[in-house]
């Protein structure tokens, strides 16, 4: 037996060539936290057999795994998660740097992953891992973080040798938030003075449970929804007016590691939302503190631009 702390658990990811067929990990992502549970649901036979006891038998009805994975956002490593979130990527190369353009694949079976766990007692692989929700958080004085909820099939024994690579960490000081009347104007827009922002993508996974198996046959992404929230000091009526008038705007979150240079560009992660509206507005009302305001935006599919959200990642890694 070996006793160990959770810090020694390694998490690896691989892109599946064939759906739900395990592949070896091509990247290990340093974890900030991991809430991981293997699920085994039971069905209990409560039929009457002439006694007052409430049941006499039980069977396994469903087995799968659930993950809540948090990590700092690294410009190379985040590629793997974004692929699962969006489902489609196009990559171009120029002088030692790569530009990855992610878009929402209009299918209910986005790219699947295999997740691997390695610790002091066992190595396991979990095929058909799919993102249920993705959250990007930026707060003053901290790393930009990603919180990702997955579901996957149950484990299969494996043998692993975890290894990690140098990467480009993205921090709060690298984050710019911009608004414009449309996507074309975002490049020239000025960044706002936000103190926190959160981008949330919900993929609403649906388990495909079938006869003759206690494992789901598939995890399919259903409707694709995006929300975004921001906090900033209140110094005028601009955002309250946008809320009251339901003004539609385009929005950008751009994270540029200005301390690192690849060939021409810096490592950069950009999310563009073609059309957003403010659905919630709130402000503080403390006599003795600066007034702050919070806004929640709902992303809309723009028929003009034929998209809701895209992402662009510039890094030093072609793919994993």
Protein backbone atom coordinates (compact mmCIF):
# COMPACT_ATOMS: atom_id res chain seq x y z
CA UNK A 1 0.00 0.00 0.00
CA UNK A 2 1.09 3.56 -0.70
CA UNK A 3 -0.31 6.66 0.97
CA UNK A 4 -0.12 9.89 -0.97
CA UNK A 5 -1.53 13.39 -1.24
CA UNK A 6 -3.81 14.59 -4.05
CA UNK A 7 -1.01 16.82 -5.37
CA UNK A 8 0.67 13.66 -6.69
CA UNK A 9 -2.23 12.84 -9.01
CA UNK A 10 -1.36 13.50 -12.67
CA UNK A 11 -3.99 14.25 -15.32
CA UNK A 12 -3.25 13.55 -18.99
CA UNK A 13 -5.29 14.09 -22.15
CA UNK A 14 -5.32 12.57 -25.61
CA UNK A 15 -7.39 13.26 -28.74
CA UNK A 16 -9.31 10.16 -29.79
CA UNK A 17 -8.91 9.12 -33.42
CA UNK A 18 -11.94 6.85 -33.13
CA UNK A 19 -14.73 7.83 -30.78
CA UNK A 20 -14.58 6.01 -27.39
CA UNK A 21 -11.39 4.14 -28.36
CA UNK A 22 -8.70 5.05 -25.78
CA UNK A 23 -5.51 6.78 -26.94
CA UNK A 24 -2.28 7.52 -25.11
CA UNK A 25 -1.95 10.96 -23.49
CA UNK A 26 -0.16 13.57 -25.58
CA UNK A 27 -0.19 16.23 -22.86
CA UNK A 28 -0.32 16.41 -19.08
CA UNK A 29 -1.88 19.62 -17.78
CA UNK A 30 -0.86 20.90 -14.32
CA UNK A 31 -3.99 20.89 -12.20
CA UNK A 32 -5.07 23.58 -9.75
CA UNK A 33 -7.78 21.28 -8.41
CA UNK A 34 -9.56 18.09 -9.38
CA UNK A 35 -12.90 16.79 -8.12
CA UNK A 36 -13.19 13.34 -9.65
CA UNK A 37 -15.69 10.58 -8.94
CA UNK A 38 -16.32 7.17 -10.48
CA UNK A 39 -20.06 6.61 -10.46
CA UNK A 40 -21.78 3.26 -10.00
CA UNK A 41 -25.55 3.56 -9.82
CA UNK A 42 -27.69 0.69 -8.49
CA UNK A 43 -31.23 -0.54 -9.04
CA UNK A 44 -32.88 -2.10 -5.97
CA UNK A 45 -35.52 -4.82 -6.11
CA UNK A 46 -38.25 -3.70 -3.70
CA UNK A 47 -40.77 -6.36 -4.74
CA UNK A 48 -42.80 -7.91 -1.95
CA UNK A 49 -41.74 -11.40 -0.77
CA UNK A 50 -44.03 -11.75 2.26
CA UNK A 51 -41.82 -9.97 4.81
CA UNK A 52 -41.78 -6.37 6.04
CA UNK A 53 -38.18 -5.66 4.93
CA UNK A 54 -38.18 -3.24 2.00
CA UNK A 55 -35.85 -4.98 -0.49
CA UNK A 56 -34.05 -8.23 -1.22
CA UNK A 57 -31.77 -7.69 -4.22
CA UNK A 58 -29.74 -5.07 -6.07
CA UNK A 59 -27.83 -4.69 -9.35
CA UNK A 60 -25.48 -2.22 -11.00
CA UNK A 61 -27.52 -0.07 -13.43
CA UNK A 62 -25.00 2.49 -14.70
CA UNK A 63 -21.26 3.22 -14.51
CA UNK A 64 -19.40 6.31 -15.70
CA UNK A 65 -17.08 9.03 -14.39
CA UNK A 66 -17.55 12.74 -13.62
CA UNK A 67 -14.76 15.33 -13.52
CA UNK A 68 -14.47 18.90 -12.35
CA UNK A 69 -11.01 20.02 -13.45
CA UNK A 70 -9.47 23.42 -12.73
CA UNK A 71 -6.20 24.61 -14.25
CA UNK A 72 -4.30 27.78 -14.96
CA UNK A 73 -4.64 28.67 -18.62
CA UNK A 74 -1.47 27.88 -20.58
CA UNK A 75 -1.23 28.90 -24.24
CA UNK A 76 -0.14 25.47 -25.49
CA UNK A 77 -2.06 23.16 -23.17
CA UNK A 78 -5.44 24.88 -23.50
CA UNK A 79 -5.57 23.73 -27.15
CA UNK A 80 -6.75 20.27 -26.10
CA UNK A 81 -9.63 21.55 -23.99
CA UNK A 82 -10.74 24.12 -26.57
CA UNK A 83 -10.92 21.40 -29.21
CA UNK A 84 -13.39 19.48 -27.06
CA UNK A 85 -15.35 22.65 -26.23
CA UNK A 86 -15.77 23.89 -29.82
CA UNK A 87 -15.48 20.66 -31.81
CA UNK A 88 -13.65 22.17 -34.79
CA UNK A 89 -10.24 23.78 -35.37
CA UNK A 90 -8.24 25.00 -38.36
CA UNK A 91 -4.49 25.49 -37.86
CA UNK A 92 -2.02 27.57 -39.85
CA UNK A 93 1.75 27.87 -39.39
CA UNK A 94 4.18 30.72 -39.95
CA UNK A 95 7.83 30.96 -38.89
CA UNK A 96 7.66 28.79 -35.80
CA UNK A 97 4.28 29.87 -34.44
CA UNK A 98 0.84 28.39 -34.91
CA UNK A 99 -2.56 30.04 -35.19
CA UNK A 100 -5.52 27.85 -34.26
CA UNK A 101 -9.00 29.06 -35.23
CA UNK A 102 -11.73 27.31 -33.22
CA UNK A 103 -15.36 27.34 -34.30
CA UNK A 104 -18.51 25.60 -33.12
CA UNK A 105 -18.99 22.34 -35.02
CA UNK A 106 -22.67 22.05 -35.95
CA UNK A 107 -22.86 18.46 -34.76
CA UNK A 108 -23.95 16.76 -31.55
CA UNK A 109 -20.82 14.60 -31.40
CA UNK A 110 -17.89 16.93 -30.89
CA UNK A 111 -14.30 15.68 -30.76
CA UNK A 112 -13.85 13.21 -27.88
CA UNK A 113 -10.84 12.83 -25.59
CA UNK A 114 -9.31 10.17 -23.40
CA UNK A 115 -8.44 11.34 -19.88
CA UNK A 116 -5.71 9.58 -17.92
CA UNK A 117 -5.06 9.48 -14.18
CA UNK A 118 -1.73 8.46 -12.74
CA UNK A 119 -0.86 8.37 -9.05
CA UNK A 120 1.15 6.32 -6.55
CA UNK A 121 -1.30 3.41 -6.52
CA UNK A 122 -2.72 3.03 -10.02
CA UNK A 123 -2.88 4.27 -13.61
CA UNK A 124 -6.26 4.55 -15.33
CA UNK A 125 -7.61 5.66 -18.69
CA UNK A 126 -11.13 7.01 -19.23
CA UNK A 127 -12.30 7.07 -22.87
CA UNK A 128 -15.07 9.16 -24.43
CA UNK A 129 -14.42 12.18 -22.24
CA UNK A 130 -16.65 15.10 -23.23
CA UNK A 131 -16.92 18.65 -21.87
CA UNK A 132 -20.25 19.46 -20.27
CA UNK A 133 -19.32 23.02 -19.29
CA UNK A 134 -16.31 25.31 -19.64
CA UNK A 135 -15.66 28.43 -17.57
CA UNK A 136 -12.84 30.94 -18.08
CA UNK A 137 -12.16 33.22 -15.09
CA UNK A 138 -9.96 36.31 -14.90
CA UNK A 139 -9.51 38.20 -11.63
CA UNK A 140 -7.03 40.91 -10.65
CA UNK A 141 -3.83 39.50 -9.15
CA UNK A 142 -4.26 35.89 -10.30
CA UNK A 143 -3.70 33.47 -13.14
CA UNK A 144 -6.43 33.20 -15.74
CA UNK A 145 -8.14 29.93 -14.84
CA UNK A 146 -10.28 27.38 -16.62
CA UNK A 147 -12.89 25.27 -14.83
CA UNK A 148 -14.00 22.31 -16.94
CA UNK A 149 -16.66 19.70 -16.18
CA UNK A 150 -16.34 16.41 -18.08
CA UNK A 151 -18.18 13.14 -18.25
CA UNK A 152 -16.52 9.96 -19.51
CA UNK A 153 -16.80 6.21 -19.63
CA UNK A 154 -15.54 4.19 -16.66
CA UNK A 155 -11.86 3.41 -16.21
CA UNK A 156 -9.64 0.87 -17.91
CA UNK A 157 -6.27 -0.12 -16.44
CA UNK A 158 -3.25 1.51 -18.04
CA UNK A 159 0.46 2.15 -17.58
CA UNK A 160 1.70 5.74 -17.62
CA UNK A 161 4.88 7.76 -17.30
CA UNK A 162 3.69 11.36 -16.73
CA UNK A 163 5.79 14.25 -18.03
CA UNK A 164 5.25 18.00 -18.30
CA UNK A 165 6.50 20.66 -20.71
CA UNK A 166 7.30 24.34 -20.33
CA UNK A 167 4.37 26.52 -21.37
CA UNK A 168 3.12 30.12 -21.43
CA UNK A 169 0.98 30.99 -18.40
CA UNK A 170 -1.67 33.66 -18.98
CA UNK A 171 -2.34 36.13 -16.14
CA UNK A 172 -4.80 38.87 -15.21
CA UNK A 173 -2.41 41.55 -16.48
CA UNK A 174 -2.63 40.02 -19.98
CA UNK A 175 -6.45 40.35 -20.23
CA UNK A 176 -8.30 42.95 -22.31
CA UNK A 177 -12.09 43.18 -22.62
CA UNK A 178 -13.55 45.08 -25.57
CA UNK A 179 -16.96 46.03 -26.93
CA UNK A 180 -17.93 47.27 -30.39
CA UNK A 181 -21.06 47.66 -32.45
CA UNK A 182 -20.03 44.66 -34.57
CA UNK A 183 -17.19 42.18 -35.05
CA UNK A 184 -15.42 44.32 -37.64
CA UNK A 185 -14.88 47.14 -35.13
CA UNK A 186 -13.38 45.02 -32.34
CA UNK A 187 -9.81 45.37 -33.65
CA UNK A 188 -9.89 49.14 -33.10
CA UNK A 189 -11.98 49.10 -29.90
CA UNK A 190 -10.55 50.31 -26.59
CA UNK A 191 -10.43 47.90 -23.66
CA UNK A 192 -12.68 48.60 -20.69
CA UNK A 193 -11.42 48.74 -17.09
CA UNK A 194 -12.88 45.48 -15.83
CA UNK A 195 -11.85 44.00 -12.47
CA UNK A 196 -13.15 40.46 -13.10
CA UNK A 197 -14.72 38.62 -16.00
CA UNK A 198 -16.12 35.13 -16.51
CA UNK A 199 -16.94 33.38 -19.76
CA UNK A 200 -19.19 30.32 -19.46
CA UNK A 201 -19.95 27.80 -22.21
CA UNK A 202 -22.60 25.16 -21.55
CA UNK A 203 -22.82 22.16 -23.86
CA UNK A 204 -25.64 20.36 -22.01
CA UNK A 205 -24.37 16.80 -22.41
CA UNK A 206 -26.95 14.08 -22.80
CA UNK A 207 -26.13 10.49 -21.79
CA UNK A 208 -27.07 7.91 -24.41
CA UNK A 209 -28.08 4.91 -22.27
CA UNK A 210 -28.86 1.69 -24.13
CA UNK A 211 -29.98 -1.86 -23.42
CA UNK A 212 -27.37 -4.56 -22.86
CA UNK A 213 -24.88 -2.18 -21.23
CA UNK A 214 -24.34 -0.47 -17.88
CA UNK A 215 -22.13 2.12 -19.60
CA UNK A 216 -23.54 5.02 -21.64
CA UNK A 217 -23.08 4.36 -25.34
CA UNK A 218 -22.25 8.02 -25.92
CA UNK A 219 -22.21 11.50 -24.39
CA UNK A 220 -23.71 13.91 -26.90
CA UNK A 221 -23.52 17.67 -26.66
CA UNK A 222 -27.00 19.18 -27.06
CA UNK A 223 -27.75 22.93 -27.27
CA UNK A 224 -24.70 25.20 -27.10
CA UNK A 225 -25.09 28.25 -24.84
CA UNK A 226 -22.70 31.05 -23.87
CA UNK A 227 -22.85 33.64 -21.09
CA UNK A 228 -20.37 36.25 -19.97
CA UNK A 229 -20.20 38.38 -16.83
CA UNK A 230 -18.02 41.32 -15.86
CA UNK A 231 -17.37 43.53 -12.83
CA UNK A 232 -16.17 47.12 -13.06
CA UNK A 233 -16.37 50.37 -11.14
CA UNK A 234 -19.45 52.45 -11.86
CA UNK A 235 -18.53 55.91 -13.14
CA UNK A 236 -21.31 56.66 -15.64
CA UNK A 237 -24.62 55.35 -17.01
CA UNK A 238 -23.17 53.60 -20.07
CA UNK A 239 -23.77 49.99 -19.09
CA UNK A 240 -27.03 50.61 -17.29
CA UNK A 241 -28.33 52.25 -20.48
CA UNK A 242 -27.18 49.25 -22.52
CA UNK A 243 -29.08 47.01 -20.09
CA UNK A 244 -32.27 49.05 -20.17
CA UNK A 245 -32.26 49.38 -23.96
CA UNK A 246 -31.23 45.81 -24.75
CA UNK A 247 -28.47 47.13 -26.99
CA UNK A 248 -26.73 44.37 -28.95
CA UNK A 249 -22.95 44.51 -29.22
CA UNK A 250 -19.98 42.39 -30.23
CA UNK A 251 -17.50 41.49 -27.49
CA UNK A 252 -13.90 40.29 -27.26
CA UNK A 253 -11.78 38.79 -24.49
CA UNK A 254 -8.13 38.96 -25.56
CA UNK A 255 -5.34 37.50 -23.42
CA UNK A 256 -1.85 38.42 -24.67
CA UNK A 257 1.34 37.20 -22.96
CA UNK A 258 3.34 40.33 -23.76
CA UNK A 259 6.37 39.02 -21.83
CA UNK A 260 6.88 36.15 -24.30
CA UNK A 261 7.52 36.30 -28.02
CA UNK A 262 7.21 33.37 -30.40
CA UNK A 263 8.38 34.53 -33.83
CA UNK A 264 6.26 37.53 -34.73
CA UNK A 265 3.44 37.36 -32.23
CA UNK A 266 3.00 36.82 -28.50
CA UNK A 267 1.16 33.77 -27.15
CA UNK A 268 -2.46 34.90 -27.35
CA UNK A 269 -5.92 33.53 -26.61
CA UNK A 270 -8.91 35.45 -28.01
CA UNK A 271 -12.64 34.84 -27.73
CA UNK A 272 -14.98 36.79 -30.03
CA UNK A 273 -18.72 36.90 -29.43
CA UNK A 274 -20.63 38.16 -32.45
CA UNK A 275 -23.67 39.51 -30.57
CA UNK A 276 -24.42 39.87 -26.85
CA UNK A 277 -27.16 41.50 -24.79
CA UNK A 278 -27.15 42.41 -21.09
CA UNK A 279 -29.62 40.20 -19.22
CA UNK A 280 -28.75 41.22 -15.64
CA UNK A 281 -27.44 44.40 -14.03
CA UNK A 282 -26.58 45.03 -10.38
CA UNK A 283 -24.59 47.57 -8.38
CA UNK A 284 -23.29 47.97 -4.84
CA UNK A 285 -24.94 50.51 -2.53
CA UNK A 286 -22.43 50.76 0.31
CA UNK A 287 -22.09 54.24 1.82
CA UNK A 288 -18.36 53.82 2.43
CA UNK A 289 -17.02 52.06 -0.68
CA UNK A 290 -16.61 52.76 -4.36
CA UNK A 291 -19.69 51.74 -6.31
CA UNK A 292 -19.18 48.62 -8.40
CA UNK A 293 -21.42 47.20 -11.09
CA UNK A 294 -21.96 43.69 -12.40
CA UNK A 295 -23.31 42.80 -15.80
CA UNK A 296 -24.33 39.42 -17.20
CA UNK A 297 -24.45 39.01 -20.96
CA UNK A 298 -26.16 36.38 -23.07
CA UNK A 299 -24.45 35.49 -26.34
CA UNK A 300 -26.69 35.31 -29.41
CA UNK A 301 -26.18 33.57 -32.72
CA UNK A 302 -25.64 36.28 -35.32
CA UNK A 303 -27.32 35.45 -38.61
CA UNK A 304 -25.33 38.30 -40.19
CA UNK A 305 -21.99 36.73 -39.16
CA UNK A 306 -23.21 33.08 -39.13
CA UNK A 307 -21.70 32.48 -35.71
CA UNK A 308 -22.12 32.98 -31.97
CA UNK A 309 -18.57 32.56 -30.66
CA UNK A 310 -15.12 31.77 -32.03
CA UNK A 311 -11.70 31.46 -30.43
CA UNK A 312 -8.21 32.07 -31.77
CA UNK A 313 -5.10 30.66 -30.11
CA UNK A 314 -1.54 31.64 -31.08
CA UNK A 315 1.11 29.37 -29.57
CA UNK A 316 4.20 27.28 -30.28
CA UNK A 317 2.39 23.93 -30.54
CA UNK A 318 0.89 22.59 -33.79
CA UNK A 319 -1.53 20.18 -32.10
CA UNK A 320 -1.59 17.36 -29.57
